[in-house]
Amino acid sequence: PAQIDRLIRECIVQSRPVYLQVPADMITEPVPAAA
């Protein structure tokens, strides 16, 4: 979650593209909804 948040911030604040890899076995991994 922190990695995702950082990427979105850098994308918008710097107004340039960012790159995110999501391994196939990470797609359904649980993360805290509270985030």
Full PDB file with SEQRES, HELIX, SHEET, SSBOND, CRYST1, ORIGX, SCALE, CONECT and MASTER records, all heavy atoms in Angstrom:
SEQRES   1 A   35  PRO ALA GLN ILE ASP ARG LEU ILE ARG GLU CYS ILE VAL          
SEQRES   2 A   35  GLN SER ARG PRO VAL TYR LEU GLN VAL PRO ALA ASP MET          
SEQRES   3 A   35  ILE THR GLU PRO VAL PRO ALA ALA ALA                          
HELIX    1 AA1 ALA A    2  GLN A   14  1                                  13    
HELIX    2 AA2 ALA A   24  MET A   26  5                                   3    
CRYST1    1.000    1.000    1.000  90.00  90.00  90.00 P 1           1          
ORIGX1      1.000000  0.000000  0.000000        0.00000                         
ORIGX2      0.000000  1.000000  0.000000        0.00000                         
ORIGX3      0.000000  0.000000  1.000000        0.00000                         
SCALE1      1.000000  0.000000  0.000000        0.00000                         
SCALE2      0.000000  1.000000  0.000000        0.00000                         
SCALE3      0.000000  0.000000  1.000000        0.00000                         
ATOM      1  N   PRO A   1       0.811  -1.233   0.000  1.00  0.00           N  
ATOM      2  CA  PRO A   1       0.000   0.000   0.000  1.00  0.00           C  
ATOM      3  C   PRO A   1       0.838   1.273   0.000  1.00  0.00           C  
ATOM      4  O   PRO A   1       0.521   2.229  -0.729  1.00  0.00           O  
ATOM      5  CB  PRO A   1      -0.835  -0.136   1.275  1.00  0.00           C  
ATOM      6  CG  PRO A   1      -0.959  -1.615   1.488  1.00  0.00           C  
ATOM      7  CD  PRO A   1       0.372  -2.163   1.076  1.00  0.00           C  
ATOM      8  N   ALA A   2       1.902   1.286   0.780  1.00  0.00           N  
ATOM      9  CA  ALA A   2       2.763   2.470   0.820  1.00  0.00           C  
ATOM     10  C   ALA A   2       3.471   2.668  -0.521  1.00  0.00           C  
ATOM     11  O   ALA A   2       3.670   3.802  -0.971  1.00  0.00           O  
ATOM     12  CB  ALA A   2       3.781   2.353   1.946  1.00  0.00           C  
ATOM     13  N   GLN A   3       3.849   1.563  -1.164  1.00  0.00           N  
ATOM     14  CA  GLN A   3       4.486   1.664  -2.474  1.00  0.00           C  
ATOM     15  C   GLN A   3       3.523   2.261  -3.503  1.00  0.00           C  
ATOM     16  O   GLN A   3       3.906   3.120  -4.310  1.00  0.00           O  
ATOM     17  CB  GLN A   3       4.940   0.278  -2.939  1.00  0.00           C  
ATOM     18  CG  GLN A   3       6.101  -0.316  -2.163  1.00  0.00           C  
ATOM     19  CD  GLN A   3       6.407  -1.733  -2.625  1.00  0.00           C  
ATOM     20  OE1 GLN A   3       5.728  -2.690  -2.234  1.00  0.00           O  
ATOM     21  NE2 GLN A   3       7.404  -1.873  -3.474  1.00  0.00           N  
ATOM     22  N   ILE A   4       2.289   1.810  -3.481  1.00  0.00           N  
ATOM     23  CA  ILE A   4       1.280   2.330  -4.408  1.00  0.00           C  
ATOM     24  C   ILE A   4       1.051   3.815  -4.166  1.00  0.00           C  
ATOM     25  O   ILE A   4       1.021   4.625  -5.103  1.00  0.00           O  
ATOM     26  CB  ILE A   4      -0.034   1.543  -4.253  1.00  0.00           C  
ATOM     27  CG1 ILE A   4       0.135   0.117  -4.782  1.00  0.00           C  
ATOM     28  CG2 ILE A   4      -1.186   2.253  -4.964  1.00  0.00           C  
ATOM     29  CD1 ILE A   4      -1.005  -0.814  -4.424  1.00  0.00           C  
ATOM     30  N   ASP A   5       0.898   4.189  -2.910  1.00  0.00           N  
ATOM     31  CA  ASP A   5       0.657   5.593  -2.575  1.00  0.00           C  
ATOM     32  C   ASP A   5       1.817   6.472  -3.034  1.00  0.00           C  
ATOM     33  O   ASP A   5       1.614   7.583  -3.539  1.00  0.00           O  
ATOM     34  CB  ASP A   5       0.439   5.752  -1.074  1.00  0.00           C  
ATOM     35  CG  ASP A   5      -0.876   5.146  -0.606  1.00  0.00           C  
ATOM     36  OD1 ASP A   5      -1.625   4.628  -1.453  1.00  0.00           O  
ATOM     37  OD2 ASP A   5      -1.150   5.194   0.614  1.00  0.00           O  
ATOM     38  N   ARG A   6       3.049   5.970  -2.852  1.00  0.00           N  
ATOM     39  CA  ARG A   6       4.219   6.749  -3.260  1.00  0.00           C  
ATOM     40  C   ARG A   6       4.235   6.958  -4.773  1.00  0.00           C  
ATOM     41  O   ARG A   6       4.499   8.072  -5.258  1.00  0.00           O  
ATOM     42  CB  ARG A   6       5.504   6.034  -2.831  1.00  0.00           C  
ATOM     43  CG  ARG A   6       6.773   6.834  -3.135  1.00  0.00           C  
ATOM     44  CD  ARG A   6       8.028   6.068  -2.786  1.00  0.00           C  
ATOM     45  NE  ARG A   6       8.453   5.196  -3.867  1.00  0.00           N  
ATOM     46  CZ  ARG A   6       9.232   5.576  -4.889  1.00  0.00           C  
ATOM     47  NH1 ARG A   6       9.647   6.841  -4.972  1.00  0.00           N  
ATOM     48  NH2 ARG A   6       9.596   4.723  -5.819  1.00  0.00           N  
ATOM     49  N   LEU A   7       3.947   5.903  -5.513  1.00  0.00           N  
ATOM     50  CA  LEU A   7       3.963   6.021  -6.967  1.00  0.00           C  
ATOM     51  C   LEU A   7       2.935   7.023  -7.469  1.00  0.00           C  
ATOM     52  O   LEU A   7       3.216   7.848  -8.347  1.00  0.00           O  
ATOM     53  CB  LEU A   7       3.690   4.665  -7.612  1.00  0.00           C  
ATOM     54  CG  LEU A   7       4.860   3.748  -7.926  1.00  0.00           C  
ATOM     55  CD1 LEU A   7       4.418   2.660  -8.884  1.00  0.00           C  
ATOM     56  CD2 LEU A   7       6.037   4.499  -8.518  1.00  0.00           C  
ATOM     57  N   ILE A   8       1.725   6.943  -6.930  1.00  0.00           N  
ATOM     58  CA  ILE A   8       0.678   7.867  -7.368  1.00  0.00           C  
ATOM     59  C   ILE A   8       1.084   9.302  -7.067  1.00  0.00           C  
ATOM     60  O   ILE A   8       0.896  10.205  -7.893  1.00  0.00           O  
ATOM     61  CB  ILE A   8      -0.666   7.514  -6.696  1.00  0.00           C  
ATOM     62  CG1 ILE A   8      -1.157   6.141  -7.180  1.00  0.00           C  
ATOM     63  CG2 ILE A   8      -1.718   8.585  -6.989  1.00  0.00           C  
ATOM     64  CD1 ILE A   8      -2.382   5.633  -6.448  1.00  0.00           C  
ATOM     65  N   ARG A   9       1.647   9.520  -5.899  1.00  0.00           N  
ATOM     66  CA  ARG A   9       2.091  10.868  -5.540  1.00  0.00           C  
ATOM     67  C   ARG A   9       3.177  11.368  -6.505  1.00  0.00           C  
ATOM     68  O   ARG A   9       3.092  12.497  -7.018  1.00  0.00           O  
ATOM     69  CB  ARG A   9       2.618  10.898  -4.106  1.00  0.00           C  
ATOM     70  CG  ARG A   9       3.247  12.241  -3.744  1.00  0.00           C  
ATOM     71  CD  ARG A   9       3.730  12.323  -2.304  1.00  0.00           C  
ATOM     72  NE  ARG A   9       4.527  13.525  -2.114  1.00  0.00           N  
ATOM     73  CZ  ARG A   9       4.018  14.754  -1.991  1.00  0.00           C  
ATOM     74  NH1 ARG A   9       2.711  14.924  -2.040  1.00  0.00           N  
ATOM     75  NH2 ARG A   9       4.805  15.792  -1.827  1.00  0.00           N  
ATOM     76  N   GLU A  10       4.187  10.543  -6.756  1.00  0.00           N  
ATOM     77  CA  GLU A  10       5.272  10.972  -7.634  1.00  0.00           C  
ATOM     78  C   GLU A  10       4.766  11.242  -9.041  1.00  0.00           C  
ATOM     79  O   GLU A  10       5.207  12.185  -9.709  1.00  0.00           O  
ATOM     80  CB  GLU A  10       6.386   9.917  -7.666  1.00  0.00           C  
ATOM     81  CG  GLU A  10       7.121   9.735  -6.349  1.00  0.00           C  
ATOM     82  CD  GLU A  10       7.719  11.031  -5.840  1.00  0.00           C  
ATOM     83  OE1 GLU A  10       8.356  11.758  -6.644  1.00  0.00           O  
ATOM     84  OE2 GLU A  10       7.555  11.348  -4.648  1.00  0.00           O  
ATOM     85  N   CYS A  11       3.843  10.424  -9.512  1.00  0.00           N  
ATOM     86  CA  CYS A  11       3.268  10.601 -10.844  1.00  0.00           C  
ATOM     87  C   CYS A  11       2.616  11.968 -10.974  1.00  0.00           C  
ATOM     88  O   CYS A  11       2.851  12.709 -11.939  1.00  0.00           O  
ATOM     89  CB  CYS A  11       2.252   9.486 -11.107  1.00  0.00           C  
ATOM     90  SG  CYS A  11       1.454   9.542 -12.723  1.00  0.00           S  
ATOM     91  N   ILE A  12       1.803  12.331 -10.006  1.00  0.00           N  
ATOM     92  CA  ILE A  12       1.047  13.579 -10.070  1.00  0.00           C  
ATOM     93  C   ILE A  12       1.916  14.785  -9.747  1.00  0.00           C  
ATOM     94  O   ILE A  12       1.892  15.801 -10.464  1.00  0.00           O  
ATOM     95  CB  ILE A  12      -0.173  13.502  -9.135  1.00  0.00           C  
ATOM     96  CG1 ILE A  12      -1.181  12.473  -9.680  1.00  0.00           C  
ATOM     97  CG2 ILE A  12      -0.834  14.870  -8.981  1.00  0.00           C  
ATOM     98  CD1 ILE A  12      -2.371  12.238  -8.786  1.00  0.00           C  
ATOM     99  N   VAL A  13       2.698  14.703  -8.696  1.00  0.00           N  
ATOM    100  CA  VAL A  13       3.500  15.862  -8.275  1.00  0.00           C  
ATOM    101  C   VAL A  13       4.579  16.184  -9.297  1.00  0.00           C  
ATOM    102  O   VAL A  13       4.828  17.349  -9.621  1.00  0.00           O  
ATOM    103  CB  VAL A  13       4.114  15.614  -6.878  1.00  0.00           C  
ATOM    104  CG1 VAL A  13       5.127  16.700  -6.536  1.00  0.00           C  
ATOM    105  CG2 VAL A  13       3.010  15.583  -5.826  1.00  0.00           C  
ATOM    106  N   GLN A  14       5.232  15.143  -9.850  1.00  0.00           N  
ATOM    107  CA  GLN A  14       6.290  15.394 -10.828  1.00  0.00           C  
ATOM    108  C   GLN A  14       5.764  15.512 -12.253  1.00  0.00           C  
ATOM    109  O   GLN A  14       6.500  15.886 -13.160  1.00  0.00           O  
ATOM    110  CB  GLN A  14       7.341  14.287 -10.769  1.00  0.00           C  
ATOM    111  CG  GLN A  14       8.116  14.236  -9.468  1.00  0.00           C  
ATOM    112  CD  GLN A  14       9.401  13.451  -9.603  1.00  0.00           C  
ATOM    113  OE1 GLN A  14      10.194  13.672 -10.517  1.00  0.00           O  
ATOM    114  NE2 GLN A  14       9.626  12.516  -8.689  1.00  0.00           N  
ATOM    115  N   SER A  15       4.497  15.156 -12.458  1.00  0.00           N  
ATOM    116  CA  SER A  15       3.877  15.198 -13.784  1.00  0.00           C  
ATOM    117  C   SER A  15       4.709  14.422 -14.801  1.00  0.00           C  
ATOM    118  O   SER A  15       5.032  14.902 -15.896  1.00  0.00           O  
ATOM    119  CB  SER A  15       3.688  16.643 -14.269  1.00  0.00           C  
ATOM    120  OG  SER A  15       2.862  16.667 -15.426  1.00  0.00           O  
ATOM    121  N   ARG A  16       4.996  13.192 -14.421  1.00  0.00           N  
ATOM    122  CA  ARG A  16       5.738  12.297 -15.316  1.00  0.00           C  
ATOM    123  C   ARG A  16       5.313  10.865 -15.046  1.00  0.00           C  
ATOM    124  O   ARG A  16       4.730  10.553 -14.000  1.00  0.00           O  
ATOM    125  CB  ARG A  16       7.249  12.460 -15.119  1.00  0.00           C  
ATOM    126  CG  ARG A  16       7.835  13.619 -15.936  1.00  0.00           C  
ATOM    127  CD  ARG A  16       9.318  13.446 -16.139  1.00  0.00           C  
ATOM    128  NE  ARG A  16       9.798  14.210 -17.285  1.00  0.00           N  
ATOM    129  CZ  ARG A  16      10.492  15.337 -17.202  1.00  0.00           C  
ATOM    130  NH1 ARG A  16      10.767  15.852 -16.025  1.00  0.00           N  
ATOM    131  NH2 ARG A  16      10.914  15.939 -18.287  1.00  0.00           N  
ATOM    132  N   PRO A  17       5.612   9.948 -15.972  1.00  0.00           N  
ATOM    133  CA  PRO A  17       5.139   8.572 -15.810  1.00  0.00           C  
ATOM    134  C   PRO A  17       5.873   7.809 -14.709  1.00  0.00           C  
ATOM    135  O   PRO A  17       7.035   8.112 -14.390  1.00  0.00           O  
ATOM    136  CB  PRO A  17       5.406   7.940 -17.181  1.00  0.00           C  
ATOM    137  CG  PRO A  17       6.480   8.777 -17.790  1.00  0.00           C  
ATOM    138  CD  PRO A  17       6.270  10.163 -17.272  1.00  0.00           C  
ATOM    139  N   VAL A  18       5.178   6.820 -14.156  1.00  0.00           N  
ATOM    140  CA  VAL A  18       5.739   5.905 -13.172  1.00  0.00           C  
ATOM    141  C   VAL A  18       5.420   4.478 -13.604  1.00  0.00           C  
ATOM    142  O   VAL A  18       4.557   4.243 -14.452  1.00  0.00           O  
ATOM    143  CB  VAL A  18       5.192   6.180 -11.754  1.00  0.00           C  
ATOM    144  CG1 VAL A  18       5.601   7.568 -11.269  1.00  0.00           C  
ATOM    145  CG2 VAL A  18       3.669   6.023 -11.709  1.00  0.00           C  
ATOM    146  N   TYR A  19       6.099   3.516 -12.978  1.00  0.00           N  
ATOM    147  CA  TYR A  19       6.054   2.121 -13.439  1.00  0.00           C  
ATOM    148  C   TYR A  19       5.794   1.201 -12.255  1.00  0.00           C  
ATOM    149  O   TYR A  19       6.497   1.263 -11.248  1.00  0.00           O  
ATOM    150  CB  TYR A  19       7.403   1.808 -14.082  1.00  0.00           C  
ATOM    151  CG  TYR A  19       7.653   0.389 -14.531  1.00  0.00           C  
ATOM    152  CD1 TYR A  19       7.137  -0.078 -15.732  1.00  0.00           C  
ATOM    153  CD2 TYR A  19       8.466  -0.454 -13.782  1.00  0.00           C  
ATOM    154  CE1 TYR A  19       7.419  -1.368 -16.171  1.00  0.00           C  
ATOM    155  CE2 TYR A  19       8.753  -1.744 -14.215  1.00  0.00           C  
ATOM    156  CZ  TYR A  19       8.234  -2.199 -15.410  1.00  0.00           C  
ATOM    157  OH  TYR A  19       8.513  -3.475 -15.849  1.00  0.00           O  
ATOM    158  N   LEU A  20       4.768   0.358 -12.389  1.00  0.00           N  
ATOM    159  CA  LEU A  20       4.361  -0.519 -11.280  1.00  0.00           C  
ATOM    160  C   LEU A  20       4.231  -1.949 -11.772  1.00  0.00           C  
ATOM    161  O   LEU A  20       3.479  -2.239 -12.705  1.00  0.00           O  
ATOM    162  CB  LEU A  20       3.017  -0.054 -10.710  1.00  0.00           C  
ATOM    163  CG  LEU A  20       2.435  -0.905  -9.576  1.00  0.00           C  
ATOM    164  CD1 LEU A  20       3.325  -0.833  -8.336  1.00  0.00           C  
ATOM    165  CD2 LEU A  20       1.021  -0.455  -9.236  1.00  0.00           C  
ATOM    166  N   GLN A  21       4.963  -2.867 -11.115  1.00  0.00           N  
ATOM    167  CA  GLN A  21       4.869  -4.291 -11.411  1.00  0.00           C  
ATOM    168  C   GLN A  21       3.989  -4.978 -10.364  1.00  0.00           C  
ATOM    169  O   GLN A  21       4.179  -4.775  -9.155  1.00  0.00           O  
ATOM    170  CB  GLN A  21       6.248  -4.939 -11.396  1.00  0.00           C  
ATOM    171  CG  GLN A  21       7.170  -4.484 -12.518  1.00  0.00           C  
ATOM    172  CD  GLN A  21       8.555  -5.050 -12.333  1.00  0.00           C  
ATOM    173  OE1 GLN A  21       9.283  -4.665 -11.416  1.00  0.00           O  
ATOM    174  NE2 GLN A  21       8.935  -5.975 -13.203  1.00  0.00           N  
ATOM    175  N   VAL A  22       3.069  -5.799 -10.841  1.00  0.00           N  
ATOM    176  CA  VAL A  22       2.197  -6.567  -9.954  1.00  0.00           C  
ATOM    177  C   VAL A  22       2.320  -8.053 -10.326  1.00  0.00           C  
ATOM    178  O   VAL A  22       1.747  -8.491 -11.327  1.00  0.00           O  
ATOM    179  CB  VAL A  22       0.728  -6.121 -10.069  1.00  0.00           C  
ATOM    180  CG1 VAL A  22      -0.120  -6.862  -9.038  1.00  0.00           C  
ATOM    181  CG2 VAL A  22       0.597  -4.612  -9.877  1.00  0.00           C  
ATOM    182  N   PRO A  23       3.079  -8.840  -9.563  1.00  0.00           N  
ATOM    183  CA  PRO A  23       3.171 -10.274  -9.842  1.00  0.00           C  
ATOM    184  C   PRO A  23       1.801 -10.939  -9.762  1.00  0.00           C  
ATOM    185  O   PRO A  23       0.942 -10.549  -8.961  1.00  0.00           O  
ATOM    186  CB  PRO A  23       4.110 -10.781  -8.742  1.00  0.00           C  
ATOM    187  CG  PRO A  23       4.922  -9.586  -8.350  1.00  0.00           C  
ATOM    188  CD  PRO A  23       3.978  -8.427  -8.473  1.00  0.00           C  
ATOM    189  N   ALA A  24       1.605 -11.961 -10.591  1.00  0.00           N  
ATOM    190  CA  ALA A  24       0.299 -12.604 -10.699  1.00  0.00           C  
ATOM    191  C   ALA A  24      -0.195 -13.165  -9.373  1.00  0.00           C  
ATOM    192  O   ALA A  24      -1.398 -13.180  -9.103  1.00  0.00           O  
ATOM    193  CB  ALA A  24       0.353 -13.700 -11.756  1.00  0.00           C  
ATOM    194  N   ASP A  25       0.725 -13.632  -8.518  1.00  0.00           N  
ATOM    195  CA  ASP A  25       0.295 -14.205  -7.242  1.00  0.00           C  
ATOM    196  C   ASP A  25       0.123 -13.152  -6.151  1.00  0.00           C  
ATOM    197  O   ASP A  25      -0.211 -13.490  -5.014  1.00  0.00           O  
ATOM    198  CB  ASP A  25       1.277 -15.281  -6.765  1.00  0.00           C  
ATOM    199  CG  ASP A  25       2.692 -14.753  -6.588  1.00  0.00           C  
ATOM    200  OD1 ASP A  25       3.108 -13.885  -7.379  1.00  0.00           O  
ATOM    201  OD2 ASP A  25       3.390 -15.199  -5.662  1.00  0.00           O  
ATOM    202  N   MET A  26       0.322 -11.859  -6.510  1.00  0.00           N  
ATOM    203  CA  MET A  26       0.100 -10.782  -5.541  1.00  0.00           C  
ATOM    204  C   MET A  26      -1.267 -10.127  -5.711  1.00  0.00           C  
ATOM    205  O   MET A  26      -1.715  -9.355  -4.865  1.00  0.00           O  
ATOM    206  CB  MET A  26       1.185  -9.704  -5.678  1.00  0.00           C  
ATOM    207  CG  MET A  26       2.535 -10.092  -5.100  1.00  0.00           C  
ATOM    208  SD  MET A  26       2.499 -10.226  -3.297  1.00  0.00           S  
ATOM    209  CE  MET A  26       2.288  -8.510  -2.842  1.00  0.00           C  
ATOM    210  N   ILE A  27      -1.941 -10.434  -6.786  1.00  0.00           N  
ATOM    211  CA  ILE A  27      -3.189  -9.736  -7.130  1.00  0.00           C  
ATOM    212  C   ILE A  27      -4.235  -9.861  -6.030  1.00  0.00           C  
ATOM    213  O   ILE A  27      -4.930  -8.889  -5.689  1.00  0.00           O  
ATOM    214  CB  ILE A  27      -3.733 -10.259  -8.469  1.00  0.00           C  
ATOM    215  CG1 ILE A  27      -2.808  -9.798  -9.604  1.00  0.00           C  
ATOM    216  CG2 ILE A  27      -5.159  -9.777  -8.719  1.00  0.00           C  
ATOM    217  CD1 ILE A  27      -3.114 -10.419 -10.950  1.00  0.00           C  
ATOM    218  N   THR A  28      -4.365 -11.040  -5.453  1.00  0.00           N  
ATOM    219  CA  THR A  28      -5.397 -11.265  -4.433  1.00  0.00           C  
ATOM    220  C   THR A  28      -4.827 -11.292  -3.017  1.00  0.00           C  
ATOM    221  O   THR A  28      -5.532 -11.669  -2.077  1.00  0.00           O  
ATOM    222  CB  THR A  28      -6.136 -12.585  -4.695  1.00  0.00           C  
ATOM    223  OG1 THR A  28      -5.188 -13.664  -4.694  1.00  0.00           O  
ATOM    224  CG2 THR A  28      -6.851 -12.543  -6.042  1.00  0.00           C  
ATOM    225  N   GLU A  29      -3.594 -10.889  -2.846  1.00  0.00           N  
ATOM    226  CA  GLU A  29      -3.016 -10.846  -1.497  1.00  0.00           C  
ATOM    227  C   GLU A  29      -3.787  -9.846  -0.631  1.00  0.00           C  
ATOM    228  O   GLU A  29      -4.119  -8.744  -1.092  1.00  0.00           O  
ATOM    229  CB  GLU A  29      -1.544 -10.449  -1.552  1.00  0.00           C  
ATOM    230  CG  GLU A  29      -0.596 -11.567  -1.935  1.00  0.00           C  
ATOM    231  CD  GLU A  29      -0.520 -12.632  -0.863  1.00  0.00           C  
ATOM    232  OE1 GLU A  29       0.008 -12.363   0.230  1.00  0.00           O  
ATOM    233  OE2 GLU A  29      -1.027 -13.750  -1.111  1.00  0.00           O  
ATOM    234  N   PRO A  30      -4.077 -10.191   0.630  1.00  0.00           N  
ATOM    235  CA  PRO A  30      -4.829  -9.268   1.489  1.00  0.00           C  
ATOM    236  C   PRO A  30      -3.952  -8.134   2.007  1.00  0.00           C  
ATOM    237  O   PRO A  30      -2.778  -8.338   2.332  1.00  0.00           O  
ATOM    238  CB  PRO A  30      -5.300 -10.168   2.639  1.00  0.00           C  
ATOM    239  CG  PRO A  30      -4.286 -11.269   2.693  1.00  0.00           C  
ATOM    240  CD  PRO A  30      -3.830 -11.496   1.287  1.00  0.00           C  
ATOM    241  N   VAL A  31      -4.538  -6.946   2.053  1.00  0.00           N  
ATOM    242  CA  VAL A  31      -3.897  -5.783   2.658  1.00  0.00           C  
ATOM    243  C   VAL A  31      -4.925  -5.124   3.570  1.00  0.00           C  
ATOM    244  O   VAL A  31      -6.130  -5.296   3.386  1.00  0.00           O  
ATOM    245  CB  VAL A  31      -3.392  -4.770   1.601  1.00  0.00           C  
ATOM    246  CG1 VAL A  31      -2.362  -5.410   0.692  1.00  0.00           C  
ATOM    247  CG2 VAL A  31      -4.549  -4.215   0.792  1.00  0.00           C  
ATOM    248  N   PRO A  32      -4.499  -4.372   4.571  1.00  0.00           N  
ATOM    249  CA  PRO A  32      -5.453  -3.755   5.510  1.00  0.00           C  
ATOM    250  C   PRO A  32      -6.396  -2.774   4.802  1.00  0.00           C  
ATOM    251  O   PRO A  32      -5.944  -1.841   4.134  1.00  0.00           O  
ATOM    252  CB  PRO A  32      -4.554  -3.031   6.512  1.00  0.00           C  
ATOM    253  CG  PRO A  32      -3.215  -3.682   6.380  1.00  0.00           C  
ATOM    254  CD  PRO A  32      -3.100  -4.104   4.958  1.00  0.00           C  
ATOM    255  N   ALA A  33      -7.669  -2.991   4.938  1.00  0.00           N  
ATOM    256  CA  ALA A  33      -8.651  -2.078   4.351  1.00  0.00           C  
ATOM    257  C   ALA A  33      -8.570  -0.695   4.978  1.00  0.00           C  
ATOM    258  O   ALA A  33      -8.897   0.315   4.343  1.00  0.00           O  
ATOM    259  CB  ALA A  33     -10.052  -2.650   4.513  1.00  0.00           C  
ATOM    260  N   ALA A  34      -8.120  -0.647   6.218  1.00  0.00           N  
ATOM    261  CA  ALA A  34      -8.035   0.637   6.921  1.00  0.00           C  
ATOM    262  C   ALA A  34      -7.086   1.608   6.233  1.00  0.00           C  
ATOM    263  O   ALA A  34      -7.194   2.824   6.412  1.00  0.00           O  
ATOM    264  CB  ALA A  34      -7.600   0.405   8.362  1.00  0.00           C  
ATOM    265  N   ALA A  35      -6.164   1.063   5.426  1.00  0.00           N  
ATOM    266  CA  ALA A  35      -5.218   1.943   4.745  1.00  0.00           C  
ATOM    267  C   ALA A  35      -5.924   2.899   3.792  1.00  0.00           C  
ATOM    268  O   ALA A  35      -5.426   3.996   3.499  1.00  0.00           O  
ATOM    269  CB  ALA A  35      -4.190   1.108   3.985  1.00  0.00           C  
TER     270      ALA A  35                                                      
MASTER        0    0    0    2    0    0    0    6  269    1    0    3          
END                                                                             
